[in-house]
Amino acid sequence: MQKEKNIILGVTASIAIYKACDLVRQLKAAGFSVQVVMTKESEELIKPVVFRSLSANKVYRAGIFEEGDNWEIEHISLARKADIVLIAPATANIIAKLASGICDDLLTCTVCATGAKILIAPAMNENMYRNKITQSNIAKLKSCGYKFIGPQKGMLACGTQGIGCLAEIAEIIKEVKKI
């Protein structure tokens, strides 16, 4: 019997966050165990209880010094149990923080501490995605072995067509299964 793969799903404050709900559901249906780690900003868009219900697991939240039910260093514990860390949707902010080695929340500390494969599915405004600094950050992370999925062209939250939409859930699942 094959061991269930553990996915750490980092969720950031992109308007595409609603698609992360379907992503959790489909990852579970594909046989993965999903642990969601939300950034503080993402909680302004969706409540943790939604991801807890969909994943059937505890949802980990922004702080790295919050009191837990038992003693553990959460970012190290999450980093060790991860087979894959998937960040979807990934904002320009989280990409910049990772490229700069900034570890100021649970998600960035977990990524820094893990030996697991890292998959990033960006979702942001086209101008933000095409920004030279964002593109430099993406190139830097790719050179470190991080894999990017998308983004794709479509209708953006600002009401214009352009590149920056979260990749299709089926494409993200396909990339996760390759690992």
N, C-alpha and C. Protein backbone atom coordinates (compact mmCIF):
# COMPACT_ATOMS: atom_id res chain seq x y z
N MET A 1 0.84 -1.18 0.00
CA MET A 1 0.00 0.00 0.00
C MET A 1 0.88 1.24 0.00
N GLN A 2 0.58 2.19 -0.90
CA GLN A 2 1.38 3.39 -1.04
C GLN A 2 1.03 4.39 0.07
N LYS A 3 2.07 5.03 0.61
CA LYS A 3 1.91 6.04 1.66
C LYS A 3 1.21 7.27 1.08
N GLU A 4 0.26 7.81 1.85
CA GLU A 4 -0.43 9.03 1.45
C GLU A 4 0.57 10.18 1.44
N LYS A 5 0.61 10.95 0.36
CA LYS A 5 1.53 12.09 0.24
C LYS A 5 0.95 13.29 0.99
N ASN A 6 1.84 13.98 1.69
CA ASN A 6 1.44 15.16 2.45
C ASN A 6 1.74 16.43 1.67
N ILE A 7 0.70 17.20 1.45
CA ILE A 7 0.83 18.48 0.76
C ILE A 7 0.64 19.59 1.79
N ILE A 8 1.59 20.49 1.86
CA ILE A 8 1.39 21.73 2.60
C ILE A 8 0.93 22.73 1.56
N LEU A 9 -0.28 23.24 1.72
CA LEU A 9 -0.84 24.22 0.79
C LEU A 9 -0.77 25.59 1.43
N GLY A 10 0.13 26.42 0.91
CA GLY A 10 0.22 27.81 1.36
C GLY A 10 -0.79 28.64 0.59
N VAL A 11 -1.60 29.39 1.33
CA VAL A 11 -2.65 30.21 0.73
C VAL A 11 -2.37 31.67 1.07
N THR A 12 -2.26 32.51 0.04
CA THR A 12 -1.98 33.92 0.25
C THR A 12 -3.16 34.78 -0.20
N ALA A 13 -3.04 36.07 0.00
CA ALA A 13 -4.16 37.00 -0.17
C ALA A 13 -4.35 37.49 -1.61
N SER A 14 -4.58 36.56 -2.50
CA SER A 14 -4.97 36.89 -3.87
C SER A 14 -6.48 36.68 -3.96
N ILE A 15 -7.12 37.43 -4.82
CA ILE A 15 -8.56 37.25 -5.01
C ILE A 15 -8.87 35.84 -5.52
N ALA A 16 -7.87 35.17 -6.09
CA ALA A 16 -8.04 33.79 -6.57
C ALA A 16 -8.11 32.79 -5.42
N ILE A 17 -8.11 33.25 -4.19
CA ILE A 17 -8.15 32.36 -3.03
C ILE A 17 -9.36 31.42 -3.07
N TYR A 18 -10.46 31.87 -3.67
CA TYR A 18 -11.64 31.00 -3.71
C TYR A 18 -11.36 29.72 -4.50
N LYS A 19 -10.43 29.77 -5.44
CA LYS A 19 -10.08 28.58 -6.20
C LYS A 19 -9.28 27.58 -5.36
N ALA A 20 -8.64 28.07 -4.30
CA ALA A 20 -7.90 27.17 -3.41
C ALA A 20 -8.84 26.20 -2.71
N CYS A 21 -10.10 26.58 -2.55
CA CYS A 21 -11.08 25.67 -1.95
C CYS A 21 -11.27 24.44 -2.85
N ASP A 22 -11.45 24.67 -4.13
CA ASP A 22 -11.59 23.56 -5.07
C ASP A 22 -10.29 22.76 -5.16
N LEU A 23 -9.17 23.45 -5.07
CA LEU A 23 -7.88 22.78 -5.10
C LEU A 23 -7.75 21.80 -3.94
N VAL A 24 -8.13 22.21 -2.74
CA VAL A 24 -8.09 21.32 -1.58
C VAL A 24 -8.98 20.11 -1.82
N ARG A 25 -10.18 20.36 -2.28
CA ARG A 25 -11.14 19.28 -2.52
C ARG A 25 -10.58 18.27 -3.53
N GLN A 26 -10.01 18.77 -4.61
CA GLN A 26 -9.49 17.87 -5.65
C GLN A 26 -8.21 17.16 -5.23
N LEU A 27 -7.37 17.82 -4.44
CA LEU A 27 -6.17 17.14 -3.92
C LEU A 27 -6.57 16.00 -3.00
N LYS A 28 -7.56 16.24 -2.14
CA LYS A 28 -8.07 15.18 -1.26
C LYS A 28 -8.63 14.02 -2.08
N ALA A 29 -9.40 14.34 -3.12
CA ALA A 29 -10.00 13.30 -3.96
C ALA A 29 -8.92 12.49 -4.68
N ALA A 30 -7.77 13.11 -4.93
CA ALA A 30 -6.66 12.42 -5.60
C ALA A 30 -5.82 11.61 -4.61
N GLY A 31 -6.19 11.63 -3.33
CA GLY A 31 -5.50 10.80 -2.35
C GLY A 31 -4.42 11.48 -1.54
N PHE A 32 -4.34 12.80 -1.60
CA PHE A 32 -3.34 13.53 -0.84
C PHE A 32 -3.90 13.98 0.50
N SER A 33 -3.04 14.06 1.50
CA SER A 33 -3.39 14.70 2.76
C SER A 33 -2.98 16.16 2.61
N VAL A 34 -3.89 17.08 2.94
CA VAL A 34 -3.64 18.51 2.72
C VAL A 34 -3.64 19.24 4.05
N GLN A 35 -2.55 19.93 4.33
CA GLN A 35 -2.43 20.82 5.49
C GLN A 35 -2.35 22.23 4.94
N VAL A 36 -3.31 23.06 5.27
CA VAL A 36 -3.34 24.43 4.78
C VAL A 36 -2.63 25.36 5.76
N VAL A 37 -1.76 26.21 5.20
CA VAL A 37 -1.10 27.27 5.96
C VAL A 37 -1.54 28.59 5.33
N MET A 38 -2.23 29.40 6.11
CA MET A 38 -2.74 30.68 5.61
C MET A 38 -1.86 31.83 6.08
N THR A 39 -1.63 32.80 5.19
CA THR A 39 -0.99 34.03 5.62
C THR A 39 -2.03 34.88 6.35
N LYS A 40 -1.56 35.80 7.16
CA LYS A 40 -2.46 36.68 7.90
C LYS A 40 -3.39 37.43 6.94
N GLU A 41 -2.84 37.92 5.85
CA GLU A 41 -3.61 38.70 4.89
C GLU A 41 -4.69 37.86 4.22
N SER A 42 -4.43 36.58 4.02
CA SER A 42 -5.42 35.72 3.36
C SER A 42 -6.68 35.57 4.20
N GLU A 43 -6.53 35.69 5.52
CA GLU A 43 -7.69 35.57 6.41
C GLU A 43 -8.66 36.73 6.26
N GLU A 44 -8.24 37.79 5.58
CA GLU A 44 -9.14 38.90 5.29
C GLU A 44 -10.11 38.53 4.17
N LEU A 45 -9.76 37.52 3.39
CA LEU A 45 -10.56 37.11 2.23
C LEU A 45 -11.40 35.86 2.47
N ILE A 46 -10.93 34.97 3.35
CA ILE A 46 -11.64 33.72 3.61
C ILE A 46 -11.29 33.24 5.02
N LYS A 47 -12.23 32.63 5.67
CA LYS A 47 -12.02 32.17 7.04
C LYS A 47 -11.35 30.79 7.06
N PRO A 48 -10.49 30.54 8.04
CA PRO A 48 -9.81 29.25 8.16
C PRO A 48 -10.76 28.05 8.25
N VAL A 49 -11.94 28.24 8.83
CA VAL A 49 -12.89 27.13 8.99
C VAL A 49 -13.26 26.51 7.64
N VAL A 50 -13.24 27.29 6.58
CA VAL A 50 -13.56 26.75 5.25
C VAL A 50 -12.52 25.70 4.86
N PHE A 51 -11.25 26.04 5.03
CA PHE A 51 -10.19 25.10 4.68
C PHE A 51 -10.14 23.92 5.64
N ARG A 52 -10.46 24.14 6.90
CA ARG A 52 -10.51 23.03 7.87
C ARG A 52 -11.59 22.03 7.47
N SER A 53 -12.73 22.54 7.05
CA SER A 53 -13.83 21.66 6.63
C SER A 53 -13.47 20.88 5.38
N LEU A 54 -12.84 21.54 4.42
CA LEU A 54 -12.50 20.89 3.16
C LEU A 54 -11.34 19.91 3.29
N SER A 55 -10.35 20.24 4.12
CA SER A 55 -9.16 19.39 4.24
C SER A 55 -9.31 18.32 5.31
N ALA A 56 -10.24 18.51 6.23
CA ALA A 56 -10.41 17.64 7.39
C ALA A 56 -9.15 17.62 8.25
N ASN A 57 -8.42 18.74 8.23
CA ASN A 57 -7.20 18.90 9.02
C ASN A 57 -7.18 20.27 9.66
N LYS A 58 -6.36 20.40 10.68
CA LYS A 58 -6.12 21.69 11.30
C LYS A 58 -5.59 22.66 10.23
N VAL A 59 -6.01 23.90 10.31
CA VAL A 59 -5.48 24.94 9.44
C VAL A 59 -4.45 25.73 10.25
N TYR A 60 -3.27 25.85 9.70
CA TYR A 60 -2.20 26.59 10.35
C TYR A 60 -2.27 28.03 9.88
N ARG A 61 -2.04 28.93 10.84
CA ARG A 61 -2.22 30.34 10.55
C ARG A 61 -0.91 31.08 10.68
N ALA A 62 -0.96 32.34 10.37
CA ALA A 62 0.19 33.21 10.14
C ALA A 62 1.31 33.15 11.17
N GLY A 63 0.99 33.25 12.45
CA GLY A 63 2.02 33.45 13.45
C GLY A 63 2.94 32.27 13.66
N ILE A 64 4.20 32.57 13.93
CA ILE A 64 5.16 31.50 14.22
C ILE A 64 5.35 31.31 15.72
N PHE A 65 4.74 32.18 16.51
CA PHE A 65 4.90 32.07 17.96
C PHE A 65 3.57 31.89 18.68
N GLU A 66 2.56 31.40 17.99
CA GLU A 66 1.27 31.17 18.61
C GLU A 66 1.31 29.91 19.47
N GLU A 67 0.52 29.91 20.52
CA GLU A 67 0.42 28.75 21.40
C GLU A 67 -0.37 27.65 20.69
N GLY A 68 0.15 26.46 20.71
CA GLY A 68 -0.53 25.33 20.11
C GLY A 68 -1.13 24.42 21.16
N ASP A 69 -1.74 23.34 20.71
CA ASP A 69 -2.33 22.37 21.63
C ASP A 69 -1.25 21.55 22.33
N ASN A 70 -0.15 21.34 21.64
CA ASN A 70 0.95 20.61 22.24
C ASN A 70 2.25 21.28 21.81
N TRP A 71 3.35 20.90 22.47
CA TRP A 71 4.61 21.54 22.17
C TRP A 71 5.17 21.01 20.87
N GLU A 72 5.34 21.91 19.94
CA GLU A 72 6.05 21.59 18.71
C GLU A 72 6.46 22.90 18.07
N ILE A 73 7.50 22.87 17.33
CA ILE A 73 7.91 24.04 16.55
C ILE A 73 7.22 23.86 15.21
N GLU A 74 6.11 24.57 15.02
CA GLU A 74 5.20 24.28 13.91
C GLU A 74 5.87 24.32 12.55
N HIS A 75 6.70 25.33 12.29
CA HIS A 75 7.27 25.40 10.95
C HIS A 75 8.23 24.25 10.68
N ILE A 76 8.91 23.78 11.71
CA ILE A 76 9.81 22.63 11.54
C ILE A 76 8.99 21.35 11.39
N SER A 77 7.97 21.20 12.19
CA SER A 77 7.09 20.04 12.10
C SER A 77 6.43 19.95 10.73
N LEU A 78 5.88 21.06 10.25
CA LEU A 78 5.26 21.09 8.92
C LEU A 78 6.29 20.80 7.83
N ALA A 79 7.46 21.42 7.95
CA ALA A 79 8.52 21.23 6.95
C ALA A 79 8.93 19.77 6.85
N ARG A 80 9.00 19.08 7.99
CA ARG A 80 9.41 17.67 8.00
C ARG A 80 8.37 16.75 7.40
N LYS A 81 7.10 17.04 7.65
CA LYS A 81 6.05 16.14 7.16
C LYS A 81 5.68 16.38 5.70
N ALA A 82 6.14 17.48 5.13
CA ALA A 82 5.77 17.83 3.75
C ALA A 82 6.48 16.96 2.73
N ASP A 83 5.70 16.39 1.81
CA ASP A 83 6.27 15.78 0.61
C ASP A 83 6.37 16.84 -0.48
N ILE A 84 5.42 17.76 -0.46
CA ILE A 84 5.36 18.86 -1.42
C ILE A 84 4.82 20.08 -0.69
N VAL A 85 5.41 21.25 -0.98
CA VAL A 85 4.83 22.51 -0.53
C VAL A 85 4.32 23.21 -1.79
N LEU A 86 3.04 23.46 -1.81
CA LEU A 86 2.37 24.12 -2.92
C LEU A 86 1.82 25.44 -2.42
N ILE A 87 2.17 26.52 -3.10
CA ILE A 87 1.62 27.83 -2.73
C ILE A 87 0.70 28.25 -3.87
N ALA A 88 -0.60 28.29 -3.56
CA ALA A 88 -1.61 28.60 -4.57
C ALA A 88 -2.84 29.18 -3.91
N PRO A 89 -3.19 30.40 -4.16
CA PRO A 89 -2.52 31.34 -5.04
C PRO A 89 -1.29 31.96 -4.36
N ALA A 90 -0.32 32.32 -5.17
CA ALA A 90 0.89 32.97 -4.69
C ALA A 90 0.92 34.42 -5.18
N THR A 91 1.00 35.34 -4.24
CA THR A 91 1.06 36.76 -4.58
C THR A 91 2.49 37.18 -4.91
N ALA A 92 2.62 38.36 -5.47
CA ALA A 92 3.95 38.95 -5.71
C ALA A 92 4.69 39.09 -4.38
N ASN A 93 3.95 39.39 -3.32
CA ASN A 93 4.55 39.56 -2.00
C ASN A 93 5.22 38.28 -1.50
N ILE A 94 4.53 37.15 -1.58
CA ILE A 94 5.12 35.90 -1.08
C ILE A 94 6.30 35.49 -1.95
N ILE A 95 6.20 35.71 -3.25
CA ILE A 95 7.31 35.39 -4.16
C ILE A 95 8.53 36.23 -3.80
N ALA A 96 8.33 37.53 -3.54
CA ALA A 96 9.44 38.42 -3.17
C ALA A 96 10.06 38.01 -1.84
N LYS A 97 9.22 37.66 -0.87
CA LYS A 97 9.73 37.25 0.43
C LYS A 97 10.57 35.98 0.31
N LEU A 98 10.08 35.00 -0.44
CA LEU A 98 10.83 33.75 -0.61
C LEU A 98 12.16 34.00 -1.33
N ALA A 99 12.12 34.83 -2.38
CA ALA A 99 13.34 35.11 -3.15
C ALA A 99 14.37 35.85 -2.32
N SER A 100 13.91 36.60 -1.33
CA SER A 100 14.81 37.37 -0.47
C SER A 100 15.21 36.63 0.80
N GLY A 101 14.64 35.45 1.00
CA GLY A 101 14.96 34.69 2.20
C GLY A 101 14.31 35.24 3.45
N ILE A 102 13.24 36.00 3.29
CA ILE A 102 12.54 36.57 4.44
C ILE A 102 11.66 35.48 5.07
N CYS A 103 11.83 35.29 6.36
CA CYS A 103 11.08 34.28 7.10
C CYS A 103 10.38 34.97 8.26
N ASP A 104 9.26 35.63 7.97
CA ASP A 104 8.59 36.41 9.00
C ASP A 104 7.18 35.91 9.31
N ASP A 105 6.83 34.75 8.78
CA ASP A 105 5.53 34.16 9.11
C ASP A 105 5.66 32.64 8.98
N LEU A 106 4.60 31.94 9.33
CA LEU A 106 4.65 30.48 9.35
C LEU A 106 4.92 29.90 7.95
N LEU A 107 4.31 30.45 6.92
CA LEU A 107 4.50 29.92 5.58
C LEU A 107 5.93 30.09 5.10
N THR A 108 6.50 31.28 5.23
CA THR A 108 7.87 31.50 4.74
C THR A 108 8.87 30.68 5.55
N CYS A 109 8.65 30.55 6.86
CA CYS A 109 9.56 29.74 7.68
C CYS A 109 9.47 28.26 7.29
N THR A 110 8.26 27.78 7.00
CA THR A 110 8.08 26.39 6.60
C THR A 110 8.79 26.12 5.28
N VAL A 111 8.64 27.02 4.32
CA VAL A 111 9.31 26.85 3.02
C VAL A 111 10.82 26.83 3.22
N CYS A 112 11.34 27.74 4.03
CA CYS A 112 12.78 27.81 4.26
C CYS A 112 13.31 26.54 4.94
N ALA A 113 12.50 25.94 5.79
CA ALA A 113 12.96 24.79 6.58
C ALA A 113 12.76 23.44 5.90
N THR A 114 12.02 23.39 4.80
CA THR A 114 11.70 22.10 4.21
C THR A 114 12.73 21.65 3.17
N GLY A 115 12.80 20.36 3.02
CA GLY A 115 13.59 19.76 1.93
C GLY A 115 12.68 19.28 0.82
N ALA A 116 11.37 19.52 0.97
CA ALA A 116 10.38 19.07 -0.01
C ALA A 116 10.44 19.93 -1.28
N LYS A 117 9.86 19.40 -2.34
CA LYS A 117 9.72 20.17 -3.58
C LYS A 117 8.77 21.33 -3.33
N ILE A 118 9.06 22.46 -3.96
CA ILE A 118 8.23 23.65 -3.83
C ILE A 118 7.60 23.96 -5.18
N LEU A 119 6.26 24.06 -5.19
CA LEU A 119 5.50 24.45 -6.38
C LEU A 119 4.80 25.76 -6.08
N ILE A 120 4.87 26.70 -7.01
CA ILE A 120 4.26 28.01 -6.82
C ILE A 120 3.34 28.30 -7.99
N ALA A 121 2.09 28.65 -7.68
CA ALA A 121 1.10 29.01 -8.69
C ALA A 121 0.71 30.47 -8.48
N PRO A 122 1.36 31.38 -9.23
CA PRO A 122 1.09 32.81 -9.05
C PRO A 122 -0.31 33.22 -9.48
N ALA A 123 -0.81 34.26 -8.83
CA ALA A 123 -2.07 34.89 -9.20
C ALA A 123 -2.00 36.34 -8.77
N MET A 124 -1.99 37.23 -9.75
CA MET A 124 -1.86 38.66 -9.45
C MET A 124 -2.20 39.47 -10.69
N ASN A 125 -2.24 40.77 -10.54
CA ASN A 125 -2.45 41.69 -11.65
C ASN A 125 -1.32 41.54 -12.67
N GLU A 126 -1.65 41.70 -13.95
CA GLU A 126 -0.65 41.55 -15.02
C GLU A 126 0.56 42.46 -14.83
N ASN A 127 0.33 43.72 -14.45
CA ASN A 127 1.45 44.64 -14.26
C ASN A 127 2.36 44.18 -13.13
N MET A 128 1.76 43.63 -12.08
CA MET A 128 2.56 43.10 -10.98
C MET A 128 3.36 41.88 -11.44
N TYR A 129 2.73 41.00 -12.21
CA TYR A 129 3.41 39.80 -12.69
C TYR A 129 4.55 40.16 -13.64
N ARG A 130 4.32 41.10 -14.53
CA ARG A 130 5.34 41.48 -15.52
C ARG A 130 6.41 42.43 -14.95
N ASN A 131 6.20 42.94 -13.76
CA ASN A 131 7.16 43.84 -13.14
C ASN A 131 8.54 43.19 -13.15
N LYS A 132 9.56 43.97 -13.48
CA LYS A 132 10.92 43.43 -13.60
C LYS A 132 11.41 42.80 -12.29
N ILE A 133 11.02 43.37 -11.18
CA ILE A 133 11.45 42.82 -9.89
C ILE A 133 10.77 41.47 -9.65
N THR A 134 9.47 41.39 -9.94
CA THR A 134 8.76 40.11 -9.78
C THR A 134 9.38 39.06 -10.69
N GLN A 135 9.65 39.42 -11.94
CA GLN A 135 10.25 38.46 -12.88
C GLN A 135 11.65 38.04 -12.42
N SER A 136 12.40 38.96 -11.85
CA SER A 136 13.73 38.62 -11.30
C SER A 136 13.59 37.67 -10.11
N ASN A 137 12.59 37.91 -9.26
CA ASN A 137 12.35 37.03 -8.11
C ASN A 137 11.97 35.63 -8.57
N ILE A 138 11.12 35.54 -9.59
CA ILE A 138 10.72 34.24 -10.14
C ILE A 138 11.94 33.51 -10.70
N ALA A 139 12.76 34.23 -11.46
CA ALA A 139 13.97 33.62 -12.04
C ALA A 139 14.90 33.12 -10.94
N LYS A 140 15.03 33.88 -9.88
CA LYS A 140 15.90 33.49 -8.76
C LYS A 140 15.38 32.20 -8.11
N LEU A 141 14.07 32.15 -7.87
CA LEU A 141 13.50 30.96 -7.25
C LEU A 141 13.61 29.74 -8.17
N LYS A 142 13.40 29.95 -9.47
CA LYS A 142 13.56 28.84 -10.43
C LYS A 142 14.98 28.32 -10.40
N SER A 143 15.96 29.22 -10.27
CA SER A 143 17.36 28.78 -10.24
C SER A 143 17.68 27.98 -8.98
N CYS A 144 16.82 28.12 -7.96
CA CYS A 144 16.98 27.36 -6.71
C CYS A 144 16.17 26.07 -6.73
N GLY A 145 15.51 25.77 -7.86
CA GLY A 145 14.76 24.53 -7.98
C GLY A 145 13.27 24.63 -7.73
N TYR A 146 12.77 25.82 -7.46
CA TYR A 146 11.33 25.98 -7.28
C TYR A 146 10.66 25.87 -8.65
N LYS A 147 9.49 25.26 -8.68
CA LYS A 147 8.75 25.08 -9.93
C LYS A 147 7.54 26.00 -9.93
N PHE A 148 7.30 26.64 -11.07
CA PHE A 148 6.15 27.54 -11.21
C PHE A 148 5.12 26.92 -12.15
N ILE A 149 3.86 27.11 -11.79
CA ILE A 149 2.73 26.63 -12.59
C ILE A 149 1.91 27.87 -12.94
N GLY A 150 1.93 28.26 -14.22
CA GLY A 150 1.20 29.45 -14.64
C GLY A 150 1.96 30.71 -14.29
N PRO A 151 1.29 31.83 -14.33
CA PRO A 151 -0.15 32.05 -14.45
C PRO A 151 -0.62 31.95 -15.90
N GLN A 152 -1.92 32.14 -16.07
CA GLN A 152 -2.50 32.10 -17.41
C GLN A 152 -3.22 33.41 -17.70
N LYS A 153 -3.57 33.58 -18.96
CA LYS A 153 -4.32 34.78 -19.38
C LYS A 153 -5.80 34.59 -19.06
N GLY A 154 -6.45 35.69 -18.74
CA GLY A 154 -7.88 35.66 -18.46
C GLY A 154 -8.34 36.99 -17.91
N MET A 155 -9.56 37.00 -17.39
CA MET A 155 -10.12 38.21 -16.79
C MET A 155 -9.55 38.38 -15.38
N LEU A 156 -8.91 39.51 -15.17
CA LEU A 156 -8.29 39.80 -13.88
C LEU A 156 -9.28 40.53 -12.97
N ALA A 157 -8.99 40.53 -11.69
CA ALA A 157 -9.88 41.15 -10.71
C ALA A 157 -10.09 42.64 -10.99
N CYS A 158 -9.12 43.28 -11.63
CA CYS A 158 -9.23 44.71 -11.92
C CYS A 158 -10.15 44.99 -13.11
N GLY A 159 -10.64 43.93 -13.76
CA GLY A 159 -11.58 44.09 -14.85
C GLY A 159 -10.97 44.11 -16.24
N THR A 160 -9.69 43.85 -16.34
CA THR A 160 -9.03 43.79 -17.65
C THR A 160 -8.60 42.37 -17.96
N GLN A 161 -8.37 42.11 -19.22
CA GLN A 161 -7.83 40.82 -19.66
C GLN A 161 -6.32 40.89 -19.59
N GLY A 162 -5.69 39.80 -19.17
CA GLY A 162 -4.23 39.78 -19.13
C GLY A 162 -3.72 38.53 -18.46
N ILE A 163 -2.40 38.45 -18.40
CA ILE A 163 -1.77 37.31 -17.73
C ILE A 163 -1.72 37.61 -16.23
N GLY A 164 -2.01 36.60 -15.45
CA GLY A 164 -1.98 36.77 -14.00
C GLY A 164 -3.00 35.90 -13.29
N CYS A 165 -3.86 35.24 -14.06
CA CYS A 165 -4.86 34.36 -13.45
C CYS A 165 -4.22 33.07 -12.96
N LEU A 166 -4.71 32.57 -11.85
CA LEU A 166 -4.24 31.30 -11.33
C LEU A 166 -4.40 30.22 -12.39
N ALA A 167 -3.41 29.36 -12.51
CA ALA A 167 -3.50 28.22 -13.45
C ALA A 167 -4.75 27.41 -13.14
N GLU A 168 -5.24 26.69 -14.13
CA GLU A 168 -6.40 25.83 -13.94
C GLU A 168 -6.07 24.79 -12.85
N ILE A 169 -7.05 24.48 -12.04
CA ILE A 169 -6.87 23.52 -10.95
C ILE A 169 -6.37 22.18 -11.50
N ALA A 170 -6.91 21.74 -12.63
CA ALA A 170 -6.48 20.47 -13.23
C ALA A 170 -4.99 20.50 -13.57
N GLU A 171 -4.49 21.64 -14.04
CA GLU A 171 -3.07 21.77 -14.37
C GLU A 171 -2.21 21.72 -13.09
N ILE A 172 -2.67 22.37 -12.04
CA ILE A 172 -1.94 22.33 -10.77
C ILE A 172 -1.88 20.90 -10.23
N ILE A 173 -3.01 20.20 -10.25
CA ILE A 173 -3.07 18.81 -9.78
C ILE A 173 -2.12 17.94 -10.60
N LYS A 174 -2.12 18.14 -11.90
CA LYS A 174 -1.24 17.37 -12.80
C LYS A 174 0.23 17.56 -12.42
N GLU A 175 0.62 18.79 -12.12
CA GLU A 175 2.01 19.08 -11.73
C GLU A 175 2.33 18.47 -10.38
N VAL A 176 1.39 18.51 -9.46
CA VAL A 176 1.61 17.91 -8.14
C VAL A 176 1.82 16.40 -8.30
N LYS A 177 1.03 15.76 -9.13
CA LYS A 177 1.13 14.32 -9.31
C LYS A 177 2.45 13.90 -9.96
N LYS A 178 3.09 14.80 -10.71
CA LYS A 178 4.37 14.48 -11.36
C LYS A 178 5.48 14.28 -10.33
N ILE A 179 5.32 14.87 -9.17
CA ILE A 179 6.40 14.83 -8.17
C ILE A 179 6.29 13.54 -7.36
